[in-house]
Amino acid sequence: MNNSGFGQKIYSYLLAAYELYLRTPERSLNKAYEAALKIQKIENEHFNGNKIDSNSTTYSSNVIDYFEADLKKELKIIRMRLTEFKASRYFLSDSNQKAFRKLGIEPLNPSVILDKLRFIDEIIGKYTFVEEELSPQNRISKPIDVPVESLVLQPKQENISRKNLDKEPRSKTDTTGVLPRSIFNTINRLQAELDPQAEQNVVQNFRTAQKRTIISVRFILLLIIVPILTHQLSKAFVVGPIIDHFRNPEQAVIFLNEEMEEEALLELQRFEEKIKFENLLSNVSVPIEKMESQIREKAEEIAGEFRQESANAVKNVFADILSVIAFVFLLLTSKREIAVLKGFFDNIVYGLSDSAKAFIIILFTDIFVGFHSPHGWEVILEGVSRHWGLPANHDFIFLFIATFPVILDTIFKYWIFRYLNRISPSAVATYRNMNE
């Protein structure tokens, strides 16, 4: 009776999970549709039915930032849910359609699906500027000696003509003038400072850089926090209970590899020697039966500890897989944030002084490919193997240490020769002087 009741409960859970899977396209589309309705509600209540404009003079900058945060959140939900909608519809087949009829689930009417998708496209079609506004090319701050015309947004035709002029080859007479170039740069800087719109341009550039920094820092924190939380929560509430349910603690394997067994035997041997040593030092002799009972209790305690460690190693494997999936999913759904983060790092790295660049390069190369790096790689690989309950294969570790740092060193040198030497030759010269 108990087995039949337990089997019926498992069947009900599987049936509910299968029904949830069949309803995934409908649920995803409804979530995206609800997010689009929220954007439309903000437009109707605060922007008279028009799109949410960051350049609106009706509200202050803090209010605009508040609306933009809600807009970006809803657009992200729409993008994620539409991806889920397309993927789930791809995996549904004719057998699933039969399951719809058996379970009494009414699939969505195609006309309803098309109406909702059309409405969602109308909403998100207004906000393609969000991607462009936060792109790294538009976020890079201008140097102070650039003319004010380059700080003000110009029409596309003028930009195209300027690009065409830049692509034309220049002669020596074009590149060298009668007067020094610094004089013209000073004149241009004075024109920019005397321009009535200079203050507005500076404020706009500052707000743009501030938004880029906020988005970059938040995305970096997400890349760190999301995998850690996924690992801990899945291990505590999903993977752990499942493994503990199917793994009998009394009959489970104590040691997953020979190294764990050797470590347990060494610990038990030390305990036994400690008891004998204390017995020799004391004036009262301890019976052999009592010593054996103490050793037996210690052996059971050690067995329990290593049995728990073996279970944790198995849980870590599945929890790490879920963490990697969460990390990859976050990267796939955050293309805009990745572009902003790239521009953020470009501004930081290429904005450093030459000595700071050389210091960072030497620090990273010495840590990962330097003389003492093999010891660090050996500790990391042994820690990873212990984390997953695998035996530390020293042949693989030595082979890894002999090849991987060399590959990294080659990549560093190629990057310095190919890119840094072209962008900042003085930093390369400083790096060579410091390295010598």
Protein backbone atom coordinates (compact mmCIF):
# COMPACT_ATOMS: atom_id res chain seq x y z
CA MET A 1 0.00 0.00 0.00
CA ASN A 2 2.77 2.39 0.88
CA ASN A 3 4.62 1.67 -2.38
CA SER A 4 1.48 2.16 -4.45
CA GLY A 5 0.68 5.43 -2.67
CA PHE A 6 4.23 6.67 -3.13
CA GLY A 7 4.14 5.70 -6.83
CA GLN A 8 0.82 7.50 -7.28
CA LYS A 9 2.29 10.62 -5.69
CA ILE A 10 5.35 10.46 -7.97
CA TYR A 11 3.05 10.02 -10.98
CA SER A 12 1.01 13.06 -9.98
CA TYR A 13 4.18 15.14 -9.65
CA LEU A 14 5.45 14.01 -13.06
CA LEU A 15 2.05 14.72 -14.61
CA ALA A 16 2.00 18.21 -13.12
CA ALA A 17 5.55 18.84 -14.35
CA TYR A 18 4.62 17.65 -17.86
CA GLU A 19 1.56 19.89 -17.87
CA LEU A 20 3.76 22.80 -16.78
CA TYR A 21 6.09 21.98 -19.69
CA LEU A 22 3.20 21.97 -22.17
CA ARG A 23 2.01 25.34 -20.93
CA THR A 24 5.49 26.92 -21.26
CA PRO A 25 4.80 28.71 -24.61
CA GLU A 26 1.52 30.15 -23.34
CA ARG A 27 3.06 31.22 -20.03
CA SER A 28 6.10 32.81 -21.70
CA LEU A 29 4.00 34.73 -24.20
CA ASN A 30 1.68 35.99 -21.46
CA LYS A 31 4.65 37.19 -19.37
CA ALA A 32 6.08 39.08 -22.36
CA TYR A 33 2.62 40.51 -23.12
CA GLU A 34 2.20 41.67 -19.50
CA ALA A 35 5.61 43.38 -19.59
CA ALA A 36 4.59 45.19 -22.80
CA LEU A 37 1.34 46.28 -21.13
CA LYS A 38 3.32 47.73 -18.21
CA ILE A 39 5.42 49.78 -20.63
CA GLN A 40 2.26 51.01 -22.34
CA LYS A 41 0.78 51.92 -18.95
CA ILE A 42 3.81 54.09 -18.14
CA GLU A 43 3.50 55.76 -21.55
CA ASN A 44 -0.20 56.51 -21.10
CA GLU A 45 0.03 57.74 -17.51
CA HIS A 46 3.20 59.83 -17.65
CA PHE A 47 4.07 60.56 -21.31
CA ASN A 48 0.61 61.13 -22.88
CA GLY A 49 0.78 57.91 -24.85
CA ASN A 50 4.19 58.69 -26.33
CA LYS A 51 7.34 56.67 -25.82
CA ILE A 52 9.46 57.06 -22.69
CA ASP A 53 11.92 59.77 -23.70
CA SER A 54 15.11 60.37 -21.71
CA ASN A 55 15.33 63.89 -23.15
CA SER A 56 11.91 64.90 -21.88
CA THR A 57 11.81 68.22 -20.03
CA THR A 58 8.60 67.41 -18.17
CA TYR A 59 10.36 65.47 -15.41
CA SER A 60 13.64 65.82 -13.57
CA SER A 61 16.67 63.64 -14.25
CA ASN A 62 15.99 61.39 -11.24
CA VAL A 63 12.41 60.75 -12.37
CA ILE A 64 13.61 59.98 -15.90
CA ASP A 65 16.17 57.54 -14.49
CA TYR A 66 13.38 55.85 -12.52
CA PHE A 67 11.25 55.39 -15.64
CA GLU A 68 14.25 54.22 -17.67
CA ALA A 69 15.09 51.58 -15.04
CA ASP A 70 11.53 50.20 -15.25
CA LEU A 71 11.68 50.33 -19.04
CA LYS A 72 14.96 48.39 -19.21
CA LYS A 73 13.67 45.82 -16.75
CA GLU A 74 10.48 45.21 -18.76
CA LEU A 75 12.38 45.10 -22.06
CA LYS A 76 14.71 42.50 -20.59
CA ILE A 77 11.73 40.43 -19.44
CA ILE A 78 10.22 40.64 -22.92
CA ARG A 79 13.46 39.54 -24.55
CA MET A 80 13.92 36.59 -22.16
CA ARG A 81 10.30 35.44 -22.39
CA LEU A 82 10.22 35.65 -26.18
CA THR A 83 13.38 33.54 -26.33
CA GLU A 84 11.74 31.00 -24.02
CA PHE A 85 8.57 31.13 -26.15
CA LYS A 86 10.47 30.38 -29.36
CA ALA A 87 12.56 27.60 -27.80
CA SER A 88 9.57 25.87 -26.19
CA ARG A 89 7.53 25.98 -29.41
CA TYR A 90 10.50 24.46 -31.25
CA PHE A 91 10.51 21.37 -29.01
CA LEU A 92 6.74 20.79 -29.14
CA SER A 93 5.72 18.09 -31.63
CA ASP A 94 2.56 16.28 -32.77
CA SER A 95 2.70 13.94 -29.77
CA ASN A 96 2.57 16.99 -27.52
CA GLN A 97 -0.52 18.19 -29.33
CA LYS A 98 -2.18 14.87 -28.54
CA ALA A 99 -1.16 15.30 -24.91
CA PHE A 100 -2.92 18.68 -24.96
CA ARG A 101 -6.20 16.99 -25.81
CA LYS A 102 -5.71 14.18 -23.27
CA LEU A 103 -5.00 16.59 -20.42
CA GLY A 104 -7.83 18.90 -21.43
CA ILE A 105 -5.52 21.82 -22.15
CA GLU A 106 -6.76 24.24 -24.77
CA PRO A 107 -3.87 25.57 -26.86
CA LEU A 108 -3.77 29.26 -27.67
CA ASN A 109 -5.63 30.42 -30.73
CA PRO A 110 -3.15 31.38 -33.48
CA SER A 111 -4.95 34.68 -33.97
CA VAL A 112 -4.50 35.50 -30.27
CA ILE A 113 -0.80 34.63 -30.50
CA LEU A 114 -0.34 36.86 -33.56
CA ASP A 115 -2.20 39.75 -31.91
CA LYS A 116 -0.05 39.56 -28.78
CA LEU A 117 3.17 39.28 -30.79
CA ARG A 118 2.12 42.22 -32.96
CA PHE A 119 1.42 44.33 -29.88
CA ILE A 120 4.76 43.37 -28.33
CA ASP A 121 6.59 44.29 -31.55
CA GLU A 122 4.87 47.69 -31.61
CA ILE A 123 6.00 48.40 -28.05
CA ILE A 124 9.63 47.25 -28.30
CA GLY A 125 10.01 48.81 -31.76
CA LYS A 126 9.94 52.24 -30.15
CA TYR A 127 12.94 51.56 -27.92
CA THR A 128 15.74 50.47 -30.21
CA PHE A 129 17.51 53.61 -29.01
CA VAL A 130 18.14 51.96 -25.62
CA GLU A 131 20.65 49.62 -27.25
CA GLU A 132 22.34 52.47 -29.12
CA GLU A 133 22.41 54.86 -26.17
CA LEU A 134 24.32 52.45 -23.97
CA SER A 135 26.72 51.17 -26.61
CA PRO A 136 30.42 51.65 -25.86
CA GLN A 137 30.98 53.80 -28.95
CA ASN A 138 28.51 56.39 -27.71
CA ARG A 139 29.74 56.15 -24.13
CA ILE A 140 33.45 56.91 -24.61
CA SER A 141 34.16 60.33 -23.23
CA LYS A 142 35.82 62.89 -25.47
CA PRO A 143 39.17 64.46 -24.61
CA ILE A 144 39.17 68.05 -23.63
CA ASP A 145 40.94 69.27 -26.75
CA VAL A 146 38.32 67.91 -29.16
CA PRO A 147 36.24 70.61 -30.88
CA VAL A 148 32.79 71.24 -29.56
CA GLU A 149 31.26 70.18 -32.86
CA SER A 150 32.30 66.59 -32.15
CA LEU A 151 30.53 66.67 -28.77
CA VAL A 152 27.19 67.71 -30.25
CA LEU A 153 25.13 65.11 -32.06
CA GLN A 154 25.25 65.81 -35.78
CA PRO A 155 22.98 64.47 -38.52
CA LYS A 156 23.91 61.14 -40.05
CA GLN A 157 24.75 62.63 -43.45
CA GLU A 158 27.38 64.89 -41.90
CA ASN A 159 28.90 61.92 -40.02
CA ILE A 160 29.04 59.88 -43.19
CA SER A 161 30.71 62.69 -45.12
CA ARG A 162 33.20 63.20 -42.28
CA LYS A 163 34.06 59.49 -42.30
CA ASN A 164 34.58 59.61 -46.05
CA LEU A 165 36.91 62.56 -45.66
CA ASP A 166 38.85 60.75 -42.94
CA LYS A 167 39.29 57.73 -45.19
CA GLU A 168 40.91 59.81 -47.96
CA PRO A 169 44.72 59.68 -47.97
CA ARG A 170 46.39 62.81 -46.65
CA SER A 171 49.56 64.28 -48.06
CA LYS A 172 52.41 65.76 -46.10
CA THR A 173 51.12 69.27 -46.72
CA ASP A 174 47.78 68.29 -45.18
CA THR A 175 49.25 66.79 -42.05
CA THR A 176 51.75 69.54 -41.34
CA GLY A 177 50.62 73.17 -41.15
CA VAL A 178 52.33 76.49 -40.96
CA LEU A 179 51.53 76.89 -37.27
CA PRO A 180 51.97 74.23 -34.58
CA ARG A 181 49.00 71.95 -34.04
CA SER A 182 48.85 72.76 -30.31
CA ILE A 183 47.84 76.35 -31.14
CA PHE A 184 44.80 75.10 -33.07
CA ASN A 185 43.96 72.72 -30.23
CA THR A 186 44.08 75.60 -27.78
CA ILE A 187 41.81 77.69 -29.99
CA ASN A 188 39.36 74.80 -30.31
CA ARG A 189 39.36 74.30 -26.56
CA LEU A 190 38.62 77.99 -26.00
CA GLN A 191 35.77 77.81 -28.50
CA ALA A 192 34.34 74.81 -26.66
CA GLU A 193 34.57 76.58 -23.31
CA LEU A 194 32.93 79.76 -24.67
CA ASP A 195 30.14 77.89 -26.42
CA PRO A 196 26.72 78.41 -24.68
CA GLN A 197 25.93 74.68 -24.93
CA ALA A 198 29.25 73.54 -23.48
CA GLU A 199 27.85 73.08 -19.97
CA GLN A 200 24.90 71.07 -21.26
CA ASN A 201 27.23 68.83 -23.26
CA VAL A 202 29.45 68.24 -20.23
CA VAL A 203 26.44 67.33 -18.08
CA GLN A 204 25.13 64.99 -20.77
CA ASN A 205 28.50 63.26 -21.09
CA PHE A 206 28.70 62.89 -17.32
CA ARG A 207 25.23 61.34 -17.11
CA THR A 208 26.12 58.97 -19.93
CA ALA A 209 29.32 57.88 -18.18
CA GLN A 210 27.46 57.52 -14.88
CA LYS A 211 24.86 55.22 -16.44
CA ARG A 212 27.59 53.15 -18.06
CA THR A 213 29.39 52.75 -14.74
CA ILE A 214 26.21 51.75 -12.88
CA ILE A 215 25.29 49.17 -15.52
CA SER A 216 28.83 47.75 -15.60
CA VAL A 217 29.19 47.44 -11.82
CA ARG A 218 25.75 45.89 -11.49
CA PHE A 219 26.49 43.38 -14.26
CA ILE A 220 29.84 42.42 -12.68
CA LEU A 221 28.08 41.80 -9.36
CA LEU A 222 25.47 39.67 -11.15
CA LEU A 223 28.19 37.60 -12.84
CA ILE A 224 29.66 36.88 -9.39
CA ILE A 225 26.52 36.53 -7.26
CA VAL A 226 24.26 34.56 -9.61
CA PRO A 227 26.56 31.48 -10.01
CA ILE A 228 27.35 31.43 -6.28
CA LEU A 229 23.68 31.67 -5.29
CA THR A 230 22.73 29.06 -7.89
CA HIS A 231 25.36 26.68 -6.52
CA GLN A 232 24.36 27.15 -2.88
CA LEU A 233 20.59 27.12 -3.38
CA SER A 234 20.59 24.18 -5.81
CA LYS A 235 22.89 22.20 -3.53
CA ALA A 236 20.74 22.91 -0.45
CA PHE A 237 17.24 22.60 -1.91
CA VAL A 238 17.43 20.61 -5.17
CA VAL A 239 20.55 18.48 -5.63
CA GLY A 240 21.16 17.73 -1.95
CA PRO A 241 17.69 16.34 -1.11
CA ILE A 242 17.60 14.25 -4.29
CA ILE A 243 21.00 12.67 -3.65
CA ASP A 244 20.21 12.10 0.04
CA HIS A 245 16.93 10.44 -0.96
CA PHE A 246 18.46 7.96 -3.40
CA ARG A 247 21.70 7.43 -1.48
CA ASN A 248 21.44 5.27 1.64
CA PRO A 249 23.85 6.73 4.24
CA GLU A 250 24.53 3.31 5.81
CA GLN A 251 25.28 1.50 2.53
CA ALA A 252 26.89 4.37 0.64
CA VAL A 253 30.49 4.24 -0.43
CA ILE A 254 32.72 5.90 2.14
CA PHE A 255 35.69 6.74 -0.09
CA LEU A 256 35.43 7.92 -3.69
CA ASN A 257 39.15 7.48 -4.36
CA GLU A 258 42.28 6.01 -2.83
CA GLU A 259 43.59 9.37 -1.62
CA MET A 260 40.59 9.83 0.66
CA GLU A 261 41.12 6.32 2.04
CA GLU A 262 44.82 6.97 2.68
CA GLU A 263 43.97 10.24 4.42
CA ALA A 264 41.44 8.45 6.67
CA LEU A 265 43.88 5.67 7.54
CA LEU A 266 46.59 8.20 8.33
CA GLU A 267 44.22 10.10 10.64
CA LEU A 268 43.20 6.88 12.41
CA GLN A 269 46.85 5.83 12.76
CA ARG A 270 47.76 9.15 14.35
CA PHE A 271 44.86 8.81 16.80
CA GLU A 272 45.97 5.30 17.75
CA GLU A 273 49.56 6.43 18.28
CA LYS A 274 48.32 9.37 20.35
CA ILE A 275 46.35 7.04 22.67
CA LYS A 276 49.34 4.71 23.11
CA PHE A 277 51.63 7.66 23.79
CA GLU A 278 49.28 9.07 26.43
CA ASN A 279 48.95 5.60 27.98
CA LEU A 280 52.73 5.30 28.27
CA LEU A 281 53.02 8.71 29.90
CA SER A 282 50.26 8.10 32.45
CA ASN A 283 50.87 6.14 35.61
CA VAL A 284 47.62 4.19 35.23
CA SER A 285 47.56 1.63 32.44
CA VAL A 286 44.45 1.65 30.24
CA PRO A 287 42.94 -1.75 29.37
CA ILE A 288 43.36 -2.90 25.80
CA GLU A 289 39.58 -3.34 25.43
CA LYS A 290 39.03 0.33 26.27
CA MET A 291 41.70 1.42 23.80
CA GLU A 292 40.11 -0.70 21.08
CA SER A 293 36.67 0.76 21.83
CA GLN A 294 38.09 4.29 21.56
CA ILE A 295 39.79 3.44 18.26
CA ARG A 296 36.54 1.88 16.98
CA GLU A 297 34.57 5.00 17.88
CA LYS A 298 37.16 7.19 16.16
CA ALA A 299 37.01 4.94 13.08
CA GLU A 300 33.23 5.30 12.92
CA GLU A 301 33.56 9.07 13.32
CA ILE A 302 36.12 9.26 10.51
CA ALA A 303 33.94 7.05 8.29
CA GLY A 304 30.98 9.37 8.85
CA GLU A 305 33.04 12.44 8.00
CA PHE A 306 34.38 10.95 4.77
CA ARG A 307 30.97 9.58 3.83
CA GLN A 308 29.62 13.12 4.15
CA GLU A 309 32.57 14.49 2.19
CA SER A 310 31.93 11.97 -0.59
CA ALA A 311 28.27 12.97 -0.70
CA ASN A 312 29.25 16.65 -0.85
CA ALA A 313 31.61 15.93 -3.75
CA VAL A 314 28.79 14.32 -5.74
CA LYS A 315 26.49 17.24 -4.92
CA ASN A 316 29.16 19.71 -5.99
CA VAL A 317 29.33 18.17 -9.47
CA PHE A 318 25.63 18.72 -10.20
CA ALA A 319 25.52 22.08 -8.41
CA ASP A 320 28.50 23.32 -10.46
CA ILE A 321 26.77 22.23 -13.68
CA LEU A 322 23.71 24.28 -12.73
CA SER A 323 25.95 27.23 -11.85
CA VAL A 324 27.63 27.09 -15.26
CA ILE A 325 24.22 26.93 -16.94
CA ALA A 326 23.07 29.99 -14.98
CA PHE A 327 26.28 31.85 -15.88
CA VAL A 328 25.99 31.03 -19.59
CA PHE A 329 22.28 31.95 -19.59
CA LEU A 330 23.14 35.29 -17.99
CA LEU A 331 25.74 35.95 -20.69
CA LEU A 332 23.38 34.98 -23.52
CA THR A 333 20.61 37.25 -22.25
CA SER A 334 22.84 40.24 -21.50
CA LYS A 335 24.41 41.18 -24.81
CA ARG A 336 23.75 44.87 -24.25
CA GLU A 337 25.34 44.77 -20.78
CA ILE A 338 28.37 42.96 -22.19
CA ALA A 339 28.85 45.69 -24.80
CA VAL A 340 28.58 48.37 -22.11
CA LEU A 341 30.99 46.43 -19.87
CA LYS A 342 33.51 46.18 -22.71
CA GLY A 343 33.45 49.95 -23.17
CA PHE A 344 33.73 50.43 -19.41
CA PHE A 345 36.89 48.30 -19.25
CA ASP A 346 38.32 49.98 -22.32
CA ASN A 347 37.97 53.37 -20.66
CA ILE A 348 39.57 52.11 -17.45
CA VAL A 349 42.45 50.18 -19.01
CA TYR A 350 43.38 52.66 -21.72
CA GLY A 351 42.86 55.57 -19.35
CA LEU A 352 45.62 54.39 -17.02
CA SER A 353 49.09 55.85 -17.09
CA ASP A 354 51.91 54.02 -18.82
CA SER A 355 53.53 52.95 -15.56
CA ALA A 356 50.19 51.63 -14.24
CA LYS A 357 49.62 49.61 -17.42
CA ALA A 358 53.12 48.13 -17.19
CA PHE A 359 52.62 47.34 -13.49
CA ILE A 360 49.33 45.49 -14.13
CA ILE A 361 50.81 43.52 -17.05
CA ILE A 362 53.83 42.44 -15.01
CA LEU A 363 51.61 41.54 -12.04
CA PHE A 364 49.31 39.30 -14.10
CA THR A 365 52.11 37.67 -16.07
CA ASP A 366 54.12 36.88 -12.92
CA ILE A 367 51.07 35.42 -11.18
CA PHE A 368 49.85 33.20 -14.01
CA VAL A 369 52.96 32.49 -16.10
CA GLY A 370 55.84 33.51 -13.84
CA PHE A 371 58.51 31.50 -12.09
CA HIS A 372 56.36 30.68 -9.02
CA SER A 373 53.10 30.13 -10.92
CA PRO A 374 53.41 26.28 -11.18
CA HIS A 375 52.92 25.96 -7.42
CA GLY A 376 49.75 28.04 -7.62
CA TRP A 377 48.37 26.03 -10.54
CA GLU A 378 49.12 22.80 -8.66
CA VAL A 379 47.18 24.00 -5.60
CA ILE A 380 44.25 25.10 -7.77
CA LEU A 381 44.04 21.80 -9.67
CA GLU A 382 44.29 19.71 -6.51
CA GLY A 383 41.58 21.83 -4.89
CA VAL A 384 39.29 21.38 -7.91
CA SER A 385 39.83 17.61 -7.97
CA ARG A 386 39.08 17.39 -4.24
CA HIS A 387 35.99 19.57 -4.73
CA TRP A 388 34.60 17.04 -7.21
CA GLY A 389 35.84 13.95 -5.36
CA LEU A 390 38.34 13.01 -8.07
CA PRO A 391 41.81 11.60 -7.44
CA ALA A 392 44.58 14.11 -8.06
CA ASN A 393 46.27 12.82 -11.21
CA HIS A 394 49.77 14.23 -10.85
CA ASP A 395 50.74 13.31 -14.41
CA PHE A 396 47.86 15.44 -15.75
CA ILE A 397 48.75 18.26 -13.34
CA PHE A 398 52.38 18.31 -14.45
CA LEU A 399 51.35 18.19 -18.12
CA PHE A 400 48.90 21.04 -17.57
CA ILE A 401 51.52 23.15 -15.81
CA ALA A 402 54.01 22.47 -18.63
CA THR A 403 51.61 23.61 -21.41
CA PHE A 404 48.90 25.98 -20.21
CA PRO A 405 51.13 28.76 -18.73
CA VAL A 406 53.18 28.68 -21.92
CA ILE A 407 50.02 29.24 -23.97
CA LEU A 408 49.02 32.11 -21.67
CA ASP A 409 52.46 33.65 -21.97
CA THR A 410 52.21 33.49 -25.76
CA ILE A 411 48.80 35.17 -25.69
CA PHE A 412 50.11 37.95 -23.43
CA LYS A 413 53.08 38.60 -25.69
CA TYR A 414 50.92 38.57 -28.82
CA TRP A 415 48.48 41.03 -27.25
CA ILE A 416 51.33 43.32 -26.26
CA PHE A 417 52.89 43.15 -29.73
CA ARG A 418 49.65 43.31 -31.75
CA TYR A 419 47.42 45.73 -29.84
CA LEU A 420 49.17 47.52 -26.98
CA ASN A 421 52.19 48.36 -29.11
CA ARG A 422 49.87 50.10 -31.57
CA ILE A 423 47.63 51.85 -29.03
CA SER A 424 50.21 52.84 -26.40
CA PRO A 425 53.84 52.40 -27.50
CA SER A 426 55.08 54.31 -24.47
CA ALA A 427 53.40 51.76 -22.17
CA VAL A 428 55.23 48.95 -23.99
CA ALA A 429 58.53 50.79 -23.57
CA THR A 430 57.82 51.28 -19.86
CA TYR A 431 56.91 47.61 -19.54
CA ARG A 432 60.19 46.53 -21.13
CA ASN A 433 62.21 48.85 -18.90
CA MET A 434 60.45 47.61 -15.75
CA ASN A 435 60.79 43.99 -16.84
CA GLU A 436 64.51 44.37 -17.38
